[in-house]
């Protein structure tokens, strides 16, 4: 039976979900918003979570065999009848089954947008010999942070983005007091953000260094400093990385991040 999933729902602390918590960590963030659609099955073996304007996330317990996943998916699709989705994220076998069933009902085109690896860092390593220091971003950094966010987004989306369009995003992110910069000779050269804290983990995102300043260890040094901050908060750092970007994946591994499982991002058109 499909039920509403409420904030701080006990399903998020059950062993079935905890076994997959690193790669499905974003579900915690989605479920905090009253605007999100968050569902679960009464047997606590499935979670569907979607925030407005974004792809849905679908988790089905590892205890459910591939043959029986379709039973859960069919029940979910009956519940969601009339709902249009832009895509779905989750374990490849699960979301591929969901995408096929969804496409049949909605005459949708399906394609894999991205495959990400989730990483968690049980013990971090600081790189040696890296010039500079970490600093929390401040309102005076808004123009530069907007430029960095535009650069980060351009690389992720593959299209040009005007930094001016990112001013409000930069202001909001700086306002959370979780955006950090790496400073060399009074100049910010790299950024990284603590995007969200869940009960056991903290998710890092927006790790970016301009192309002309790369291969100097700035991002590695900053992410390791964020790991230190989060260690003091008794939280395990985690993040998602596009598997197409082999350089960034290697940076995280060098710091001490371990693979937590892959997430497939499927788009519907």
Protein backbone atom coordinates (compact mmCIF):
# COMPACT_ATOMS: atom_id res chain seq x y z
CA UNK A 1 0.00 0.00 0.00
CA UNK A 2 1.29 3.47 -0.93
CA UNK A 3 1.39 5.99 1.93
CA UNK A 4 2.63 9.54 2.39
CA UNK A 5 6.17 9.84 3.70
CA UNK A 6 6.40 12.54 6.36
CA UNK A 7 9.43 14.60 7.50
CA UNK A 8 11.71 12.57 9.78
CA UNK A 9 9.82 9.43 8.76
CA UNK A 10 11.08 6.30 10.50
CA UNK A 11 11.63 4.57 7.13
CA UNK A 12 14.71 6.78 6.71
CA UNK A 13 16.22 5.14 9.81
CA UNK A 14 15.32 1.55 8.94
CA UNK A 15 18.08 -0.92 8.09
CA UNK A 16 16.69 -1.46 4.58
CA UNK A 17 17.22 2.19 3.69
CA UNK A 18 20.42 2.65 5.70
CA UNK A 19 22.08 0.01 3.52
CA UNK A 20 21.66 2.42 0.58
CA UNK A 21 21.75 5.72 2.43
CA UNK A 22 24.90 7.15 0.86
CA UNK A 23 23.76 6.91 -2.74
CA UNK A 24 20.18 7.89 -1.87
CA UNK A 25 21.19 10.68 0.50
CA UNK A 26 19.43 13.35 -1.56
CA UNK A 27 16.10 11.82 -0.53
CA UNK A 28 16.63 13.32 2.93
CA UNK A 29 16.76 16.81 1.42
CA UNK A 30 13.74 16.26 -0.84
CA UNK A 31 11.64 15.01 2.05
CA UNK A 32 12.30 18.13 4.12
CA UNK A 33 10.26 20.29 1.73
CA UNK A 34 6.50 20.56 2.17
CA UNK A 35 6.24 21.14 -1.59
CA UNK A 36 7.74 17.75 -2.42
CA UNK A 37 5.81 14.60 -3.27
CA UNK A 38 7.13 11.93 -0.93
CA UNK A 39 5.68 8.43 -0.79
CA UNK A 40 6.51 5.06 0.72
CA UNK A 41 5.05 1.58 0.85
CA UNK A 42 3.61 0.39 4.14
CA UNK A 43 6.15 -2.45 4.24
CA UNK A 44 8.98 0.17 4.09
CA UNK A 45 10.54 -1.35 0.98
CA UNK A 46 10.05 1.58 -1.41
CA UNK A 47 10.43 5.38 -1.39
CA UNK A 48 9.42 7.82 -4.11
CA UNK A 49 10.53 11.43 -3.62
CA UNK A 50 10.22 14.38 -6.00
CA UNK A 51 10.62 18.10 -5.53
CA UNK A 52 8.76 20.42 -7.96
CA UNK A 53 10.54 20.90 -11.26
CA UNK A 54 13.06 18.13 -10.66
CA UNK A 55 13.44 14.47 -11.47
CA UNK A 56 12.01 11.94 -9.05
CA UNK A 57 14.18 9.67 -6.91
CA UNK A 58 13.10 6.04 -6.55
CA UNK A 59 14.48 3.63 -3.96
CA UNK A 60 13.47 -0.02 -3.66
CA UNK A 61 15.06 -2.16 -0.95
CA UNK A 62 17.85 -4.55 -1.86
CA UNK A 63 15.72 -7.24 -0.22
CA UNK A 64 13.29 -7.05 -3.15
CA UNK A 65 14.38 -9.21 -6.08
CA UNK A 66 14.49 -7.78 -9.59
CA UNK A 67 11.53 -9.96 -10.56
CA UNK A 68 9.38 -8.42 -7.83
CA UNK A 69 10.45 -4.79 -8.31
CA UNK A 70 7.96 -4.42 -11.14
CA UNK A 71 5.12 -5.20 -8.70
CA UNK A 72 6.13 -2.19 -6.60
CA UNK A 73 6.61 -0.03 -9.67
CA UNK A 74 3.17 -0.90 -11.07
CA UNK A 75 1.55 0.00 -7.74
CA UNK A 76 3.43 3.30 -7.67
CA UNK A 77 2.44 4.19 -11.23
CA UNK A 78 -1.20 3.50 -10.46
CA UNK A 79 -0.94 5.90 -7.53
CA UNK A 80 0.79 8.51 -9.71
CA UNK A 81 -1.75 8.23 -12.54
CA UNK A 82 -2.05 11.61 -14.26
CA UNK A 83 1.32 12.82 -12.96
CA UNK A 84 3.92 13.90 -15.52
CA UNK A 85 7.57 13.39 -14.61
CA UNK A 86 10.70 14.85 -16.19
CA UNK A 87 12.77 11.83 -15.22
CA UNK A 88 13.85 9.47 -12.47
CA UNK A 89 17.07 8.79 -10.54
CA UNK A 90 18.17 5.68 -8.70
CA UNK A 91 19.74 2.25 -9.04
CA UNK A 92 20.10 1.40 -12.75
CA UNK A 93 18.00 -1.77 -12.73
CA UNK A 94 15.24 -0.10 -10.69
CA UNK A 95 14.95 3.11 -12.70
CA UNK A 96 15.24 1.32 -16.03
CA UNK A 97 12.24 -0.82 -15.09
CA UNK A 98 10.36 2.27 -13.93
CA UNK A 99 11.27 4.23 -17.06
CA UNK A 100 10.07 1.46 -19.36
CA UNK A 101 6.74 1.16 -17.54
CA UNK A 102 6.31 4.95 -17.37
CA UNK A 103 7.13 5.41 -21.06
CA UNK A 104 4.50 2.85 -22.05
CA UNK A 105 1.84 4.81 -20.20
CA UNK A 106 2.90 8.28 -21.31
CA UNK A 107 4.35 7.64 -24.78
CA UNK A 108 7.56 9.22 -23.47
CA UNK A 109 11.04 9.04 -24.94
CA UNK A 110 13.63 7.81 -22.47
CA UNK A 111 17.37 8.41 -22.37
CA UNK A 112 20.11 8.17 -19.75
CA UNK A 113 21.20 11.70 -18.90
CA UNK A 114 24.01 10.86 -16.48
CA UNK A 115 25.52 8.13 -14.34
CA UNK A 116 26.92 9.35 -11.02
CA UNK A 117 28.99 7.67 -8.36
CA UNK A 118 28.11 8.47 -4.78
CA UNK A 119 31.08 8.85 -2.47
CA UNK A 120 31.50 8.95 1.29
CA UNK A 121 34.60 9.80 3.27
CA UNK A 122 35.07 7.79 6.49
CA UNK A 123 38.61 9.16 6.92
CA UNK A 124 40.05 12.06 4.95
CA UNK A 125 43.63 12.80 3.89
CA UNK A 126 44.94 16.36 3.57
CA UNK A 127 47.11 16.95 0.50
CA UNK A 128 50.54 18.31 1.32
CA UNK A 129 52.27 21.36 -0.09
CA UNK A 130 49.16 23.17 -1.35
CA UNK A 131 49.39 26.92 -1.18
CA UNK A 132 46.55 28.91 0.37
CA UNK A 133 43.83 28.61 3.01
CA UNK A 134 40.10 28.10 3.30
CA UNK A 135 37.68 30.95 4.01
CA UNK A 136 33.93 31.13 4.37
CA UNK A 137 32.40 33.21 1.58
CA UNK A 138 31.02 36.66 2.44
CA UNK A 139 28.58 39.02 0.67
CA UNK A 140 31.46 40.88 -0.95
CA UNK A 141 32.30 37.66 -2.83
CA UNK A 142 28.98 37.57 -4.68
CA UNK A 143 30.30 38.58 -8.13
CA UNK A 144 33.10 36.05 -8.05
CA UNK A 145 30.91 33.26 -6.64
CA UNK A 146 28.40 33.95 -9.42
CA UNK A 147 31.21 33.55 -11.97
CA UNK A 148 32.29 30.27 -10.36
CA UNK A 149 28.70 28.97 -10.27
CA UNK A 150 28.26 29.88 -13.94
CA UNK A 151 31.48 28.04 -14.80
CA UNK A 152 30.43 25.01 -12.77
CA UNK A 153 26.99 24.95 -14.42
CA UNK A 154 28.44 25.37 -17.91
CA UNK A 155 30.60 22.29 -17.46
CA UNK A 156 27.68 20.30 -16.04
CA UNK A 157 25.14 21.35 -18.69
CA UNK A 158 27.42 21.90 -21.68
CA UNK A 159 26.00 25.32 -22.51
CA UNK A 160 27.08 28.92 -21.95
CA UNK A 161 25.70 30.68 -18.86
CA UNK A 162 25.88 34.41 -18.11
CA UNK A 163 27.38 34.96 -14.62
CA UNK A 164 24.92 37.84 -14.09
CA UNK A 165 22.08 35.31 -14.18
CA UNK A 166 23.67 33.54 -11.21
CA UNK A 167 23.86 36.56 -8.88
CA UNK A 168 20.72 35.65 -6.94
CA UNK A 169 21.88 32.04 -6.64
CA UNK A 170 25.24 33.25 -5.34
CA UNK A 171 23.60 35.57 -2.82
CA UNK A 172 21.37 32.79 -1.53
CA UNK A 173 24.22 30.29 -1.31
CA UNK A 174 26.52 32.73 0.48
CA UNK A 175 23.66 33.47 2.87
CA UNK A 176 23.59 29.87 4.06
CA UNK A 177 27.14 30.34 5.42
CA UNK A 178 28.06 26.97 3.90
CA UNK A 179 29.87 28.21 0.77
CA UNK A 180 33.65 28.18 1.11
CA UNK A 181 36.50 29.57 -0.98
CA UNK A 182 40.17 28.64 -1.23
CA UNK A 183 42.30 31.77 -1.02
CA UNK A 184 45.79 32.26 -2.48
CA UNK A 185 47.44 35.68 -2.16
CA UNK A 186 44.09 37.20 -1.19
CA UNK A 187 42.47 35.83 -4.37
CA UNK A 188 39.73 33.15 -4.36
CA UNK A 189 40.86 30.33 -6.65
CA UNK A 190 38.35 27.56 -5.92
CA UNK A 191 34.97 26.97 -4.25
CA UNK A 192 32.99 24.21 -2.58
CA UNK A 193 29.68 24.13 -0.73
CA UNK A 194 28.19 22.10 2.11
CA UNK A 195 24.80 21.68 0.47
CA UNK A 196 22.90 19.77 3.13
CA UNK A 197 23.22 17.99 6.45
CA UNK A 198 21.21 14.83 7.12
CA UNK A 199 21.25 12.80 10.36
CA UNK A 200 24.44 10.89 9.55
CA UNK A 201 25.97 12.59 6.51
CA UNK A 202 26.68 16.01 5.00
CA UNK A 203 26.58 16.47 1.23
CA UNK A 204 29.25 18.54 -0.50
CA UNK A 205 28.58 20.03 -3.94
CA UNK A 206 29.57 22.85 -6.33
CA UNK A 207 33.26 21.94 -6.17
CA UNK A 208 34.83 24.16 -8.83
CA UNK A 209 38.18 25.61 -9.85
CA UNK A 210 38.54 27.75 -13.01
CA UNK A 211 40.37 25.81 -15.76
CA UNK A 212 43.47 28.03 -15.68
CA UNK A 213 43.96 27.36 -11.95
CA UNK A 214 43.57 23.58 -11.94
CA UNK A 215 46.10 20.85 -11.15
CA UNK A 216 47.48 22.83 -8.21
CA UNK A 217 45.60 20.91 -5.51
CA UNK A 218 43.26 23.76 -4.54
CA UNK A 219 40.01 21.77 -4.78
CA UNK A 220 41.57 18.78 -3.01
CA UNK A 221 42.81 20.97 -0.16
CA UNK A 222 39.46 22.70 0.24
CA UNK A 223 37.34 19.56 0.17
CA UNK A 224 39.64 17.98 2.77
CA UNK A 225 39.14 21.07 4.97
CA UNK A 226 35.37 20.70 4.60
CA UNK A 227 35.78 17.07 5.66
CA UNK A 228 37.57 18.32 8.78
CA UNK A 229 34.71 20.71 9.57
CA UNK A 230 32.16 17.94 9.14
CA UNK A 231 34.19 15.47 11.17
CA UNK A 232 33.97 17.93 14.08
CA UNK A 233 30.18 17.86 13.59
CA UNK A 234 30.26 14.03 13.73
CA UNK A 235 28.92 13.80 10.18
CA UNK A 236 30.33 11.70 7.34
CA UNK A 237 31.03 13.78 4.20
CA UNK A 238 29.43 12.53 0.97
CA UNK A 239 28.99 13.79 -2.56
CA UNK A 240 27.93 12.81 -6.06
CA UNK A 241 30.30 12.88 -9.05
CA UNK A 242 29.57 12.47 -12.76
CA UNK A 243 31.46 9.36 -13.86
CA UNK A 244 32.33 11.10 -17.13
CA UNK A 245 34.61 13.43 -15.19
CA UNK A 246 37.43 11.06 -14.36
CA UNK A 247 39.66 13.83 -12.99
CA UNK A 248 37.24 14.92 -10.27
CA UNK A 249 36.48 11.31 -9.35
CA UNK A 250 40.19 10.69 -8.84
CA UNK A 251 40.54 13.85 -6.74
CA UNK A 252 37.88 12.58 -4.34
CA UNK A 253 39.45 9.13 -4.13
CA UNK A 254 42.83 10.67 -3.36
CA UNK A 255 41.31 12.58 -0.44
CA UNK A 256 39.88 9.36 0.99
CA UNK A 257 36.37 9.14 -0.45
CA UNK A 258 35.02 5.62 -1.00
CA UNK A 259 32.48 4.51 -3.59
CA UNK A 260 28.95 4.34 -2.16
CA UNK A 261 27.08 3.10 -5.23
CA UNK A 262 26.05 4.38 -8.62
CA UNK A 263 22.99 6.49 -9.40
CA UNK A 264 21.51 6.53 -12.92
CA UNK A 265 19.73 9.72 -13.98
CA UNK A 266 17.12 9.03 -16.67
CA UNK A 267 15.28 11.80 -18.51
CA UNK A 268 11.77 11.60 -20.05
CA UNK A 269 10.87 13.62 -23.12
